[in-house]
Amino acid sequence: MEKTAKHIIFIGRVQGIGFRFTALNIANRCQLTGLVRNLSDGSVEMIANGYPDDIDDCVRDIKESFAGYIRETRIEEITPKTEYKDFKITF
């Protein structure tokens, strides 16, 4: 199976609730590389690189963890980013 990447935007009340730290832990558990960061419009952006099933599991687990907070999730397939060697929170 080939690795892929997804650009994900989580919309809702997703800042100030430990979202990025939880996303970091879930992404590491799913063995993904990439980043998660707050955006100025109040949403959270995530770039996830890895195997498709692992990315899907990560997104599902984040959605389950923050079910009452996420109003919308936008997911777009992108070209895998080779510059990411691990998963981190950026500011």
Protein backbone atom coordinates (compact mmCIF):
# COMPACT_ATOMS: atom_id res chain seq x y z
CA MET A 1 0.00 0.00 0.00
CA GLU A 2 1.26 3.44 -0.93
CA LYS A 3 1.47 6.39 1.45
CA THR A 4 -0.66 9.44 0.85
CA ALA A 5 -1.37 12.79 2.48
CA LYS A 6 -4.45 14.76 3.45
CA HIS A 7 -5.06 18.39 4.27
CA ILE A 8 -7.75 18.51 6.95
CA ILE A 9 -9.58 21.50 8.43
CA PHE A 10 -11.59 21.03 11.62
CA ILE A 11 -14.25 23.72 12.09
CA GLY A 12 -16.19 24.40 15.27
CA ARG A 13 -15.14 25.17 18.83
CA VAL A 14 -11.77 23.50 18.34
CA GLN A 15 -9.32 25.96 19.91
CA GLY A 16 -8.51 26.25 23.60
CA ILE A 17 -9.70 22.74 24.46
CA GLY A 18 -6.50 20.67 24.06
CA PHE A 19 -7.38 19.78 20.48
CA ARG A 20 -3.85 20.04 19.05
CA PHE A 21 -2.25 18.01 21.85
CA THR A 22 -4.87 15.28 21.50
CA ALA A 23 -4.45 15.31 17.70
CA LEU A 24 -0.68 15.01 18.17
CA ASN A 25 -1.07 11.96 20.43
CA ILE A 26 -3.55 10.28 18.06
CA ALA A 27 -1.39 11.03 14.98
CA ASN A 28 1.67 9.57 16.71
CA ARG A 29 -0.29 6.46 17.69
CA CYS A 30 -1.34 6.11 14.02
CA GLN A 31 2.31 6.57 12.94
CA LEU A 32 1.64 9.68 10.84
CA THR A 33 3.93 12.56 10.00
CA GLY A 34 2.84 16.14 9.46
CA LEU A 35 1.53 18.97 11.59
CA VAL A 36 -1.42 20.45 13.39
CA ARG A 37 -1.94 24.16 14.07
CA ASN A 38 -4.55 26.74 14.97
CA LEU A 39 -5.69 29.08 12.21
CA SER A 40 -6.65 32.72 12.71
CA ASP A 41 -10.30 32.03 11.80
CA GLY A 42 -10.71 29.73 14.82
CA SER A 43 -10.36 26.45 12.92
CA VAL A 44 -7.57 23.88 13.22
CA GLU A 45 -5.49 22.73 10.25
CA MET A 46 -3.86 19.33 10.00
CA ILE A 47 -1.49 17.91 7.38
CA ALA A 48 -1.36 14.13 7.74
CA ASN A 49 1.07 11.89 5.84
CA GLY A 50 0.87 8.12 6.06
CA TYR A 51 -1.05 5.10 4.91
CA PRO A 52 -4.67 5.85 3.94
CA ASP A 53 -6.18 3.58 6.62
CA ASP A 54 -3.99 5.16 9.32
CA ILE A 55 -5.03 8.68 8.28
CA ASP A 56 -8.70 7.63 8.27
CA ASP A 57 -8.30 6.06 11.73
CA CYS A 58 -6.66 9.24 13.02
CA VAL A 59 -9.43 11.51 11.70
CA ARG A 60 -12.10 9.16 13.07
CA ASP A 61 -10.48 9.09 16.53
CA ILE A 62 -10.15 12.90 16.60
CA LYS A 63 -13.80 13.27 15.58
CA GLU A 64 -14.85 10.83 18.32
CA SER A 65 -12.71 12.62 20.94
CA PHE A 66 -14.20 16.02 20.08
CA ALA A 67 -17.68 15.01 18.92
CA GLY A 68 -19.40 17.92 20.65
CA TYR A 69 -16.93 20.50 19.38
CA ILE A 70 -16.35 19.76 15.67
CA ARG A 71 -19.08 21.23 13.48
CA GLU A 72 -17.50 20.42 10.11
CA THR A 73 -14.45 18.58 8.76
CA ARG A 74 -13.00 19.38 5.34
CA ILE A 75 -10.62 16.79 3.91
CA GLU A 76 -8.64 17.16 0.71
CA GLU A 77 -6.13 14.69 -0.71
CA ILE A 78 -2.75 16.32 -1.36
CA THR A 79 0.69 15.27 -2.57
CA PRO A 80 2.62 13.58 0.27
CA LYS A 81 5.05 15.96 1.98
CA THR A 82 8.46 14.36 2.35
CA GLU A 83 9.81 17.20 4.52
CA TYR A 84 7.88 15.93 7.57
CA LYS A 85 9.90 13.39 9.55
CA ASP A 86 7.54 13.34 12.55
CA PHE A 87 4.24 14.84 13.65
CA LYS A 88 4.29 18.14 15.48
CA ILE A 89 2.30 21.12 16.66
CA THR A 90 3.23 24.35 14.93
CA PHE A 91 2.19 27.87 15.79
